[in-house]
PDB file of N, CA and C in Angstrom:
ATOM      1  N   MET A   1      -5.335  84.515 245.923  1.00  0.00           N
ATOM      2  CA  MET A   1      -5.620  83.463 245.142  1.00  0.00           C
ATOM      3  C   MET A   1      -6.136  84.057 243.702  1.00  0.00           C
ATOM      4  N   PRO A   2      -5.492  83.582 242.612  1.00  0.00           N
ATOM      5  CA  PRO A   2      -5.739  84.126 241.308  1.00  0.00           C
ATOM      6  C   PRO A   2      -7.139  83.718 240.838  1.00  0.00           C
ATOM      7  N   SER A   3      -7.692  84.680 240.246  1.00  0.00           N
ATOM      8  CA  SER A   3      -9.120  84.251 239.677  1.00  0.00           C
ATOM      9  C   SER A   3      -8.958  83.303 238.530  1.00  0.00           C
ATOM     10  N   LYS A   4     -10.130  82.556 238.309  1.00  0.00           N
ATOM     11  CA  LYS A   4      -9.981  81.493 237.190  1.00  0.00           C
ATOM     12  C   LYS A   4     -10.431  82.459 235.949  1.00  0.00           C
ATOM     13  N   PRO A   5      -9.586  82.037 234.930  1.00  0.00           N
ATOM     14  CA  PRO A   5      -9.877  82.802 233.510  1.00  0.00           C
ATOM     15  C   PRO A   5     -11.196  82.328 233.041  1.00  0.00           C
ATOM     16  N   PRO A   6     -11.872  83.414 232.157  1.00  0.00           N
ATOM     17  CA  PRO A   6     -13.170  83.066 231.670  1.00  0.00           C
ATOM     18  C   PRO A   6     -13.118  81.895 230.701  1.00  0.00           C
ATOM     19  N   VAL A   7     -14.291  81.259 230.509  1.00  0.00           N
ATOM     20  CA  VAL A   7     -14.353  80.081 229.574  1.00  0.00           C
ATOM     21  C   VAL A   7     -14.239  80.721 228.050  1.00  0.00           C
ATOM     22  N   VAL A   8     -13.383  80.212 227.252  1.00  0.00           N
ATOM     23  CA  VAL A   8     -13.189  80.696 225.983  1.00  0.00           C
ATOM     24  C   VAL A   8     -13.392  79.698 224.939  1.00  0.00           C
ATOM     25  N   PHE A   9     -14.218  79.814 224.085  1.00  0.00           N
ATOM     26  CA  PHE A   9     -14.452  78.908 222.937  1.00  0.00           C
ATOM     27  C   PHE A   9     -13.320  78.826 222.056  1.00  0.00           C
ATOM     28  N   PRO A  10     -13.006  77.714 221.294  1.00  0.00           N
ATOM     29  CA  PRO A  10     -11.938  77.446 220.399  1.00  0.00           C
ATOM     30  C   PRO A  10     -11.765  78.590 219.441  1.00  0.00           C
ATOM     31  N   ASN A  11     -12.791  79.061 218.770  1.00  0.00           N
ATOM     32  CA  ASN A  11     -12.773  80.181 217.866  1.00  0.00           C
ATOM     33  C   ASN A  11     -12.288  81.369 218.358  1.00  0.00           C
ATOM     34  N   GLU A  12     -12.805  81.727 219.585  1.00  0.00           N
ATOM     35  CA  GLU A  12     -12.304  82.975 220.260  1.00  0.00           C
ATOM     36  C   GLU A  12     -10.853  82.719 220.686  1.00  0.00           C
ATOM     37  N   GLN A  13     -10.449  81.548 221.146  1.00  0.00           N
ATOM     38  CA  GLN A  13      -8.994  81.335 221.486  1.00  0.00           C
ATOM     39  C   GLN A  13      -8.144  81.517 220.344  1.00  0.00           C
ATOM     40  N   LYS A  14      -8.462  81.126 219.036  1.00  0.00           N
ATOM     41  CA  LYS A  14      -7.663  81.464 217.883  1.00  0.00           C
ATOM     42  C   LYS A  14      -7.711  82.938 217.662  1.00  0.00           C
ATOM     43  N   LEU A  15      -8.756  83.587 217.902  1.00  0.00           N
ATOM     44  CA  LEU A  15      -8.568  85.047 217.637  1.00  0.00           C
ATOM     45  C   LEU A  15      -7.571  85.696 218.616  1.00  0.00           C
ATOM     46  N   LEU A  16      -7.570  85.298 219.813  1.00  0.00           N
ATOM     47  CA  LEU A  16      -6.842  85.855 220.973  1.00  0.00           C
ATOM     48  C   LEU A  16      -5.428  85.585 220.571  1.00  0.00           C
ATOM     49  N   ALA A  17      -5.185  84.293 220.181  1.00  0.00           N
ATOM     50  CA  ALA A  17      -3.776  83.799 219.915  1.00  0.00           C
ATOM     51  C   ALA A  17      -3.276  84.639 218.596  1.00  0.00           C
ATOM     52  N   SER A  18      -4.196  84.773 217.557  1.00  0.00           N
ATOM     53  CA  SER A  18      -3.700  85.686 216.571  1.00  0.00           C
ATOM     54  C   SER A  18      -3.391  87.077 216.869  1.00  0.00           C
ATOM     55  N   LEU A  19      -4.178  87.744 217.667  1.00  0.00           N
ATOM     56  CA  LEU A  19      -3.892  89.132 218.232  1.00  0.00           C
ATOM     57  C   LEU A  19      -2.560  89.032 218.804  1.00  0.00           C
ATOM     58  N   GLY A  20      -2.323  88.061 219.807  1.00  0.00           N
ATOM     59  CA  GLY A  20      -0.995  87.959 220.547  1.00  0.00           C
ATOM     60  C   GLY A  20       0.237  87.909 219.628  1.00  0.00           C
ATOM     61  N   GLU A  21       0.041  87.027 218.619  1.00  0.00           N
ATOM     62  CA  GLU A  21       1.142  86.981 217.560  1.00  0.00           C
ATOM     63  C   GLU A  21       1.357  88.185 216.880  1.00  0.00           C
ATOM     64  N   ARG A  22       0.353  88.928 216.335  1.00  0.00           N
ATOM     65  CA  ARG A  22       0.466  90.225 215.869  1.00  0.00           C
ATOM     66  C   ARG A  22       1.283  91.260 216.747  1.00  0.00           C
ATOM     67  N   LEU A  23       0.965  91.076 217.945  1.00  0.00           N
ATOM     68  CA  LEU A  23       1.630  92.033 218.846  1.00  0.00           C
ATOM     69  C   LEU A  23       2.985  91.718 218.990  1.00  0.00           C
ATOM     70  N   ARG A  24       3.366  90.354 219.031  1.00  0.00           N
ATOM     71  CA  ARG A  24       4.670  89.931 219.258  1.00  0.00           C
ATOM     72  C   ARG A  24       5.455  90.268 217.932  1.00  0.00           C
ATOM     73  N   LEU A  25       4.818  90.148 216.785  1.00  0.00           N
ATOM     74  CA  LEU A  25       5.550  90.510 215.597  1.00  0.00           C
ATOM     75  C   LEU A  25       5.886  91.970 215.380  1.00  0.00           C
ATOM     76  N   ALA A  26       4.980  92.846 216.047  1.00  0.00           N
ATOM     77  CA  ALA A  26       5.032  94.256 216.022  1.00  0.00           C
ATOM     78  C   ALA A  26       6.242  94.605 216.835  1.00  0.00           C
ATOM     79  N   ARG A  27       6.306  93.937 218.047  1.00  0.00           N
ATOM     80  CA  ARG A  27       7.462  94.107 219.003  1.00  0.00           C
ATOM     81  C   ARG A  27       8.782  93.764 218.283  1.00  0.00           C
ATOM     82  N   LEU A  28       8.850  92.557 217.636  1.00  0.00           N
ATOM     83  CA  LEU A  28      10.084  92.315 216.953  1.00  0.00           C
ATOM     84  C   LEU A  28      10.485  93.081 215.901  1.00  0.00           C
ATOM     85  N   ARG A  29       9.474  93.598 215.038  1.00  0.00           N
ATOM     86  CA  ARG A  29       9.762  94.553 213.934  1.00  0.00           C
ATOM     87  C   ARG A  29      10.350  95.823 214.507  1.00  0.00           C
ATOM     88  N   ARG A  30       9.974  96.131 215.761  1.00  0.00           N
ATOM     89  CA  ARG A  30      10.641  97.391 216.194  1.00  0.00           C
ATOM     90  C   ARG A  30      11.724  97.101 216.925  1.00  0.00           C
ATOM     91  N   LYS A  31      12.324  95.876 216.910  1.00  0.00           N
ATOM     92  CA  LYS A  31      13.541  95.395 217.450  1.00  0.00           C
ATOM     93  C   LYS A  31      13.594  95.804 219.077  1.00  0.00           C
ATOM     94  N   LEU A  32      12.479  95.562 219.615  1.00  0.00           N
ATOM     95  CA  LEU A  32      12.339  95.764 221.179  1.00  0.00           C
ATOM     96  C   LEU A  32      12.319  94.497 221.817  1.00  0.00           C
ATOM     97  N   SER A  33      13.011  94.288 223.035  1.00  0.00           N
ATOM     98  CA  SER A  33      13.036  93.108 223.694  1.00  0.00           C
ATOM     99  C   SER A  33      11.787  93.039 224.563  1.00  0.00           C
ATOM    100  N   SER A  34      11.407  91.887 225.148  1.00  0.00           N
ATOM    101  CA  SER A  34      10.303  91.697 225.817  1.00  0.00           C
ATOM    102  C   SER A  34      10.422  92.478 227.165  1.00  0.00           C
ATOM    103  N   THR A  35      11.700  92.547 227.665  1.00  0.00           N
ATOM    104  CA  THR A  35      11.981  93.214 228.843  1.00  0.00           C
ATOM    105  C   THR A  35      11.629  94.663 228.724  1.00  0.00           C
ATOM    106  N   VAL A  36      11.998  95.282 227.653  1.00  0.00           N
ATOM    107  CA  VAL A  36      11.828  96.839 227.423  1.00  0.00           C
ATOM    108  C   VAL A  36      10.301  97.015 227.280  1.00  0.00           C
ATOM    109  N   VAL A  37       9.540  96.398 226.635  1.00  0.00           N
ATOM    110  CA  VAL A  37       8.251  96.420 226.389  1.00  0.00           C
ATOM    111  C   VAL A  37       7.461  96.195 227.673  1.00  0.00           C
ATOM    112  N   ALA A  38       7.795  95.319 228.343  1.00  0.00           N
ATOM    113  CA  ALA A  38       7.092  95.073 229.713  1.00  0.00           C
ATOM    114  C   ALA A  38       7.449  96.305 230.562  1.00  0.00           C
ATOM    115  N   GLN A  39       8.663  96.652 230.667  1.00  0.00           N
ATOM    116  CA  GLN A  39       9.005  97.830 231.522  1.00  0.00           C
ATOM    117  C   GLN A  39       8.263  99.105 231.160  1.00  0.00           C
ATOM    118  N   ARG A  40       8.102  99.450 229.770  1.00  0.00           N
ATOM    119  CA  ARG A  40       7.491 100.445 229.378  1.00  0.00           C
ATOM    120  C   ARG A  40       5.970 100.513 229.526  1.00  0.00           C
ATOM    121  N   ALA A  41       5.429  99.224 229.463  1.00  0.00           N
ATOM    122  CA  ALA A  41       3.902  99.043 229.712  1.00  0.00           C
ATOM    123  C   ALA A  41       3.510  98.896 231.137  1.00  0.00           C
ATOM    124  N   GLY A  42       4.609  98.746 231.944  1.00  0.00           N
ATOM    125  CA  GLY A  42       4.366  98.816 233.435  1.00  0.00           C
ATOM    126  C   GLY A  42       3.760  97.426 233.830  1.00  0.00           C
ATOM    127  N   ILE A  43       4.225  96.257 233.043  1.00  0.00           N
ATOM    128  CA  ILE A  43       3.582  94.971 233.388  1.00  0.00           C
ATOM    129  C   ILE A  43       4.891  93.941 233.473  1.00  0.00           C
ATOM    130  N   SER A  44       4.628  92.865 233.948  1.00  0.00           N
ATOM    131  CA  SER A  44       5.726  91.926 234.117  1.00  0.00           C
ATOM    132  C   SER A  44       5.992  91.190 232.749  1.00  0.00           C
ATOM    133  N   ARG A  45       7.279  90.652 232.520  1.00  0.00           N
ATOM    134  CA  ARG A  45       7.571  89.887 231.461  1.00  0.00           C
ATOM    135  C   ARG A  45       6.665  88.875 231.191  1.00  0.00           C
ATOM    136  N   THR A  46       6.161  88.122 232.319  1.00  0.00           N
ATOM    137  CA  THR A  46       5.188  86.963 232.242  1.00  0.00           C
ATOM    138  C   THR A  46       3.895  87.504 231.748  1.00  0.00           C
ATOM    139  N   SER A  47       3.470  88.735 232.160  1.00  0.00           N
ATOM    140  CA  SER A  47       2.244  89.150 231.701  1.00  0.00           C
ATOM    141  C   SER A  47       2.305  89.476 230.182  1.00  0.00           C
ATOM    142  N   LEU A  48       3.517  90.110 229.742  1.00  0.00           N
ATOM    143  CA  LEU A  48       3.731  90.370 228.290  1.00  0.00           C
ATOM    144  C   LEU A  48       3.637  89.095 227.470  1.00  0.00           C
ATOM    145  N   TYR A  49       4.135  88.061 228.071  1.00  0.00           N
ATOM    146  CA  TYR A  49       4.121  86.737 227.401  1.00  0.00           C
ATOM    147  C   TYR A  49       2.790  86.172 227.240  1.00  0.00           C
ATOM    148  N   LYS A  50       1.929  86.319 228.313  1.00  0.00           N
ATOM    149  CA  LYS A  50       0.549  85.942 228.168  1.00  0.00           C
ATOM    150  C   LYS A  50      -0.281  86.763 227.167  1.00  0.00           C
ATOM    151  N   VAL A  51      -0.049  88.032 227.101  1.00  0.00           N
ATOM    152  CA  VAL A  51      -0.594  88.897 226.072  1.00  0.00           C
ATOM    153  C   VAL A  51      -0.229  88.419 224.696  1.00  0.00           C
ATOM    154  N   GLU A  52       1.079  88.013 224.481  1.00  0.00           N
ATOM    155  CA  GLU A  52       1.563  87.596 223.241  1.00  0.00           C
ATOM    156  C   GLU A  52       1.073  86.089 222.741  1.00  0.00           C
ATOM    157  N   VAL A  53       0.686  85.382 223.758  1.00  0.00           N
ATOM    158  CA  VAL A  53       0.185  83.984 223.358  1.00  0.00           C
ATOM    159  C   VAL A  53      -1.429  83.926 223.449  1.00  0.00           C
ATOM    160  N   GLY A  54      -1.959  85.007 223.744  1.00  0.00           N
ATOM    161  CA  GLY A  54      -3.399  85.139 223.644  1.00  0.00           C
ATOM    162  C   GLY A  54      -4.130  84.526 224.907  1.00  0.00           C
ATOM    163  N   ASP A  55      -3.509  84.713 226.003  1.00  0.00           N
ATOM    164  CA  ASP A  55      -4.149  84.032 227.365  1.00  0.00           C
ATOM    165  C   ASP A  55      -5.417  84.811 227.571  1.00  0.00           C
ATOM    166  N   ALA A  56      -6.468  83.977 227.780  1.00  0.00           N
ATOM    167  CA  ALA A  56      -7.736  84.722 227.933  1.00  0.00           C
ATOM    168  C   ALA A  56      -7.913  85.346 229.226  1.00  0.00           C
ATOM    169  N   GLY A  57      -7.036  85.175 230.357  1.00  0.00           N
ATOM    170  CA  GLY A  57      -7.101  86.002 231.507  1.00  0.00           C
ATOM    171  C   GLY A  57      -6.343  87.299 231.560  1.00  0.00           C
ATOM    172  N   VAL A  58      -5.797  87.700 230.349  1.00  0.00           N
ATOM    173  CA  VAL A  58      -5.093  89.065 230.300  1.00  0.00           C
ATOM    174  C   VAL A  58      -6.158  90.056 230.305  1.00  0.00           C
ATOM    175  N   THR A  59      -6.016  91.227 230.946  1.00  0.00           N
ATOM    176  CA  THR A  59      -6.962  92.262 230.885  1.00  0.00           C
ATOM    177  C   THR A  59      -6.790  93.210 229.701  1.00  0.00           C
ATOM    178  N   LEU A  60      -7.904  93.795 229.503  1.00  0.00           N
ATOM    179  CA  LEU A  60      -7.868  94.788 228.287  1.00  0.00           C
ATOM    180  C   LEU A  60      -6.947  95.911 228.465  1.00  0.00           C
ATOM    181  N   GLY A  61      -6.732  96.146 229.774  1.00  0.00           N
ATOM    182  CA  GLY A  61      -5.759  97.255 230.120  1.00  0.00           C
ATOM    183  C   GLY A  61      -4.358  96.864 229.889  1.00  0.00           C
ATOM    184  N   MET A  62      -4.052  95.696 230.104  1.00  0.00           N
ATOM    185  CA  MET A  62      -2.610  95.241 229.726  1.00  0.00           C
ATOM    186  C   MET A  62      -2.434  95.348 228.127  1.00  0.00           C
ATOM    187  N   CYS A  63      -3.367  94.864 227.445  1.00  0.00           N
ATOM    188  CA  CYS A  63      -3.400  94.853 225.937  1.00  0.00           C
ATOM    189  C   CYS A  63      -3.200  96.332 225.566  1.00  0.00           C
ATOM    190  N   MET A  64      -3.934  97.330 226.225  1.00  0.00           N
ATOM    191  CA  MET A  64      -3.830  98.652 225.834  1.00  0.00           C
ATOM    192  C   MET A  64      -2.556  99.156 225.994  1.00  0.00           C
ATOM    193  N   ARG A  65      -1.904  98.868 227.105  1.00  0.00           N
ATOM    194  CA  ARG A  65      -0.510  99.340 227.560  1.00  0.00           C
ATOM    195  C   ARG A  65       0.491  98.833 226.422  1.00  0.00           C
ATOM    196  N   VAL A  66       0.472  97.677 226.122  1.00  0.00           N
ATOM    197  CA  VAL A  66       1.334  97.079 225.176  1.00  0.00           C
ATOM    198  C   VAL A  66       1.116  97.603 223.745  1.00  0.00           C
ATOM    199  N   LEU A  67      -0.093  97.954 223.380  1.00  0.00           N
ATOM    200  CA  LEU A  67      -0.452  98.662 222.107  1.00  0.00           C
ATOM    201  C   LEU A  67       0.148 100.055 222.228  1.00  0.00           C
ATOM    202  N   ALA A  68      -0.067 100.678 223.379  1.00  0.00           N
ATOM    203  CA  ALA A  68       0.475 102.117 223.424  1.00  0.00           C
ATOM    204  C   ALA A  68       2.100 102.091 223.266  1.00  0.00           C
ATOM    205  N   VAL A  69       2.840 101.068 223.898  1.00  0.00           N
ATOM    206  CA  VAL A  69       4.186 100.983 223.823  1.00  0.00           C
ATOM    207  C   VAL A  69       4.556 100.870 222.410  1.00  0.00           C
ATOM    208  N   LEU A  70       3.825 100.154 221.658  1.00  0.00           N
ATOM    209  CA  LEU A  70       4.207  99.747 220.294  1.00  0.00           C
ATOM    210  C   LEU A  70       3.682 100.772 219.322  1.00  0.00           C
ATOM    211  N   GLY A  71       3.013 101.869 219.781  1.00  0.00           N
ATOM    212  CA  GLY A  71       2.465 103.004 218.959  1.00  0.00           C
ATOM    213  C   GLY A  71       1.204 102.571 218.105  1.00  0.00           C
ATOM    214  N   LEU A  72       0.574 101.560 218.760  1.00  0.00           N
ATOM    215  CA  LEU A  72      -0.578 101.036 217.956  1.00  0.00           C
ATOM    216  C   LEU A  72      -2.002 101.298 218.726  1.00  0.00           C
ATOM    217  N   GLU A  73      -1.957 102.170 219.705  1.00  0.00           N
ATOM    218  CA  GLU A  73      -3.141 102.311 220.456  1.00  0.00           C
ATOM    219  C   GLU A  73      -4.326 102.865 219.729  1.00  0.00           C
ATOM    220  N   GLY A  74      -4.058 103.519 218.686  1.00  0.00           N
ATOM    221  CA  GLY A  74      -5.147 103.965 217.861  1.00  0.00           C
ATOM    222  C   GLY A  74      -5.898 102.880 217.085  1.00  0.00           C
ATOM    223  N   ASP A  75      -5.353 101.672 216.946  1.00  0.00           N
ATOM    224  CA  ASP A  75      -5.966 100.597 216.455  1.00  0.00           C
ATOM    225  C   ASP A  75      -7.205 100.015 217.282  1.00  0.00           C
ATOM    226  N   LEU A  76      -7.131 100.328 218.542  1.00  0.00           N
ATOM    227  CA  LEU A  76      -8.209  99.922 219.448  1.00  0.00           C
ATOM    228  C   LEU A  76      -9.640 100.534 219.003  1.00  0.00           C
ATOM    229  N   ASN A  77      -9.494 101.778 218.344  1.00  0.00           N
ATOM    230  CA  ASN A  77     -10.693 102.356 217.933  1.00  0.00           C
ATOM    231  C   ASN A  77     -11.462 101.639 216.656  1.00  0.00           C
ATOM    232  N   LEU A  78     -10.747 100.726 216.128  1.00  0.00           N
ATOM    233  CA  LEU A  78     -11.440  99.951 215.093  1.00  0.00           C
ATOM    234  C   LEU A  78     -12.086  98.813 215.511  1.00  0.00           C
ATOM    235  N   LEU A  79     -11.911  98.463 216.790  1.00  0.00           N
ATOM    236  CA  LEU A  79     -12.729  97.315 217.333  1.00  0.00           C
ATOM    237  C   LEU A  79     -14.263  97.608 217.374  1.00  0.00           C
ATOM    238  N   ALA A  80     -15.122  96.852 216.770  1.00  0.00           N
ATOM    239  CA  ALA A  80     -16.511  97.039 216.796  1.00  0.00           C
ATOM    240  C   ALA A  80     -17.057  98.305 216.082  1.00  0.00           C
ATOM    241  N   GLU A  81     -16.166  98.954 215.307  1.00  0.00           N
ATOM    242  CA  GLU A  81     -16.383 100.315 214.650  1.00  0.00           C
ATOM    243  C   GLU A  81     -17.602 100.171 213.753  1.00  0.00           C
ATOM    244  N   ASP A  82     -17.533  99.107 212.877  1.00  0.00           N
ATOM    245  CA  ASP A  82     -18.591  98.925 211.891  1.00  0.00           C
ATOM    246  C   ASP A  82     -19.532  97.819 212.384  1.00  0.00           C
ATOM    247  N   ASP A  83     -20.496  98.117 213.104  1.00  0.00           N
ATOM    248  CA  ASP A  83     -21.402  97.043 213.503  1.00  0.00           C
ATOM    249  C   ASP A  83     -22.589  96.786 212.548  1.00  0.00           C
ATOM    250  N   ARG A  84     -22.091  95.953 211.563  1.00  0.00           N
ATOM    251  CA  ARG A  84     -23.015  95.568 210.466  1.00  0.00           C
ATOM    252  C   ARG A  84     -24.291  94.823 211.053  1.00  0.00           C
ATOM    253  N   LEU A  85     -24.011  93.893 211.763  1.00  0.00           N
ATOM    254  CA  LEU A  85     -25.223  92.940 212.288  1.00  0.00           C
ATOM    255  C   LEU A  85     -26.183  93.980 213.148  1.00  0.00           C
ATOM    256  N   GLY A  86     -25.652  94.721 213.965  1.00  0.00           N
ATOM    257  CA  GLY A  86     -26.400  95.580 214.838  1.00  0.00           C
ATOM    258  C   GLY A  86     -27.285  96.446 214.019  1.00  0.00           C
ATOM    259  N   ARG A  87     -26.615  97.049 213.037  1.00  0.00           N
ATOM    260  CA  ARG A  87     -27.374  97.986 212.064  1.00  0.00           C
ATOM    261  C   ARG A  87     -28.607  97.106 211.360  1.00  0.00           C
ATOM    262  N   LYS A  88     -28.272  95.888 210.846  1.00  0.00           N
ATOM    263  CA  LYS A  88     -29.274  95.155 210.203  1.00  0.00           C
ATOM    264  C   LYS A  88     -30.552  94.715 211.114  1.00  0.00           C
ATOM    265  N   LEU A  89     -30.061  94.561 212.190  1.00  0.00           N
ATOM    266  CA  LEU A  89     -31.161  94.097 213.302  1.00  0.00           C
ATOM    267  C   LEU A  89     -32.025  95.443 213.566  1.00  0.00           C
ATOM    268  N   GLN A  90     -31.314  96.554 213.624  1.00  0.00           N
ATOM    269  CA  GLN A  90     -32.055  97.850 213.820  1.00  0.00           C
ATOM    270  C   GLN A  90     -32.872  98.144 212.721  1.00  0.00           C
ATOM    271  N   ASP A  91     -32.449  98.004 211.514  1.00  0.00           N
ATOM    272  CA  ASP A  91     -33.277  98.304 210.226  1.00  0.00           C
ATOM    273  C   ASP A  91     -34.412  97.382 210.148  1.00  0.00           C
ATOM    274  N   LEU A  92     -34.343  95.999 210.613  1.00  0.00           N
ATOM    275  CA  LEU A  92     -35.428  95.062 210.692  1.00  0.00           C
ATOM    276  C   LEU A  92     -36.526  95.617 211.621  1.00  0.00           C
ATOM    277  N   GLY A  93     -36.070  96.141 212.707  1.00  0.00           N
ATOM    278  CA  GLY A  93     -36.979  96.653 213.728  1.00  0.00           C
ATOM    279  C   GLY A  93     -37.767  97.872 213.231  1.00  0.00           C
ATOM    280  N   LEU A  94     -37.051  98.742 212.545  1.00  0.00           N
ATOM    281  CA  LEU A  94     -37.788  99.917 211.926  1.00  0.00           C
ATOM    282  C   LEU A  94     -38.784  99.469 210.798  1.00  0.00           C
ATOM    283  N   VAL A  95     -38.482  98.434 209.972  1.00  0.00           N
ATOM    284  CA  VAL A  95     -39.453  98.078 209.106  1.00  0.00           C
ATOM    285  C   VAL A  95     -40.549  97.516 209.704  1.00  0.00           C
ATOM    286  N   GLN A  96     -40.424  96.735 210.705  1.00  0.00           N
ATOM    287  CA  GLN A  96     -41.719  95.988 211.366  1.00  0.00           C
ATOM    288  C   GLN A  96     -42.597  97.076 212.063  1.00  0.00           C
ATOM    289  N   GLN A  97     -41.992  98.068 212.491  1.00  0.00           N
ATOM    290  CA  GLN A  97     -42.872  99.068 213.163  1.00  0.00           C
ATOM    291  C   GLN A  97     -43.269 100.167 212.298  1.00  0.00           C
ATOM    292  N   ALA A  98     -44.361  99.824 211.442  1.00  0.00           N
ATOM    293  CA  ALA A  98     -45.022 100.763 210.408  1.00  0.00           C
ATOM    294  C   ALA A  98     -45.683 101.810 211.324  1.00  0.00           C
ATOM    295  N   PRO A  99     -45.772 103.107 210.706  1.00  0.00           N
ATOM    296  CA  PRO A  99     -46.280 104.078 211.462  1.00  0.00           C
ATOM    297  C   PRO A  99     -47.845 103.929 211.649  1.00  0.00           C
ATOM    298  N   ARG A 100     -48.296 104.227 212.829  1.00  0.00           N
ATOM    299  CA  ARG A 100     -49.668 104.070 213.147  1.00  0.00           C
ATOM    300  C   ARG A 100     -50.637 105.136 212.393  1.00  0.00           C
ATOM    301  N   LYS A 101     -51.746 104.645 211.975  1.00  0.00           N
ATOM    302  CA  LYS A 101     -52.737 105.540 211.367  1.00  0.00           C
ATOM    303  C   LYS A 101     -53.587 106.198 212.527  1.00  0.00           C
ATOM    304  N   ARG A 102     -53.899 107.368 212.433  1.00  0.00           N
ATOM    305  CA  ARG A 102     -54.829 107.991 213.342  1.00  0.00           C
ATOM    306  C   ARG A 102     -56.222 107.458 213.052  1.00  0.00           C
ATOM    307  N   ARG A 103     -56.898 107.110 214.103  1.00  0.00           N
ATOM    308  CA  ARG A 103     -58.246 106.729 214.208  1.00  0.00           C
ATOM    309  C   ARG A 103     -59.033 107.896 214.056  1.00  0.00           C
ATOM    310  N   THR A 104     -60.079 107.873 213.067  1.00  0.00           N
ATOM    311  CA  THR A 104     -60.932 109.115 212.989  1.00  0.00           C
ATOM    312  C   THR A 104     -62.394 108.640 213.419  1.00  0.00           C
ATOM    313  N   LYS A 105     -63.121 109.590 213.832  1.00  0.00           N
ATOM    314  CA  LYS A 105     -64.551 109.298 214.185  1.00  0.00           C
ATOM    315  C   LYS A 105     -65.335 109.303 212.945  1.00  0.00           C
ATOM    316  N   LEU A 106     -65.960 108.211 212.562  1.00  0.00           N
ATOM    317  CA  LEU A 106     -66.751 108.209 211.425  1.00  0.00           C
ATOM    318  C   LEU A 106     -68.114 108.904 211.456  1.00  0.00           C
ATOM    319  N   ASN A 107     -68.747 108.844 212.575  1.00  0.00           N
ATOM    320  CA  ASN A 107     -70.049 109.245 212.650  1.00  0.00           C
ATOM    321  C   ASN A 107     -70.010 110.646 213.331  1.00  0.00           C
ATOM    322  N   GLU A 108     -68.854 111.552 213.348  1.00  0.00           N
ATOM    323  CA  GLU A 108     -68.891 112.726 213.979  1.00  0.00           C
ATOM    324  C   GLU A 108     -69.430 113.696 212.982  1.00  0.00           C
ATOM    325  N   PRO A 109     -70.340 114.541 213.454  1.00  0.00           N
ATOM    326  CA  PRO A 109     -70.964 115.715 212.467  1.00  0.00           C
ATOM    327  C   PRO A 109     -70.022 116.735 212.208  1.00  0.00           C
ATOM    328  N   ASP A 110     -70.194 117.239 210.958  1.00  0.00           N
ATOM    329  CA  ASP A 110     -69.223 118.121 210.562  1.00  0.00           C
ATOM    330  C   ASP A 110     -69.717 119.653 211.030  1.00  0.00           C
ATOM    331  N   ASP A 111     -68.956 120.273 211.782  1.00  0.00           N
ATOM    332  CA  ASP A 111     -69.386 121.608 212.438  1.00  0.00           C
ATOM    333  C   ASP A 111     -69.333 122.705 211.457  1.00  0.00           C
ATOM    334  N   SER A 112     -68.844 122.514 210.152  1.00  0.00           N
ATOM    335  CA  SER A 112     -68.639 123.729 209.243  1.00  0.00           C
ATOM    336  C   SER A 112     -70.044 123.952 208.597  1.00  0.00           C
ATOM    337  N   GLN A 113     -70.998 123.213 208.633  1.00  0.00           N
ATOM    338  CA  GLN A 113     -72.198 123.509 207.821  1.00  0.00           C
ATOM    339  C   GLN A 113     -73.036 124.388 208.573  1.00  0.00           C
TER     340      GLN A 113
END
């Protein structure tokens, strides 16, 4: 029984469809048929079609195989490379955590006298 694909919001679906379209165009620029790419990636033509239309049920592994066949596997390193939001949140946390001052004993006699 096939598992139900995850719920995908419209904006996320647009991103997946856009990625799929870019992969399809990369395949066509290389003049590779869907049959050849699917065979080289070790997936079915149906799975390749799902990758190229941005189906949310496609695994990251399938996308990786298609990227590798097209010679684009290095592009995967660009995902979430520059985490601007995370760094801003981290910086805010660092600002709020001011260094603690050491408590000194005010009424302690000075032994040096």
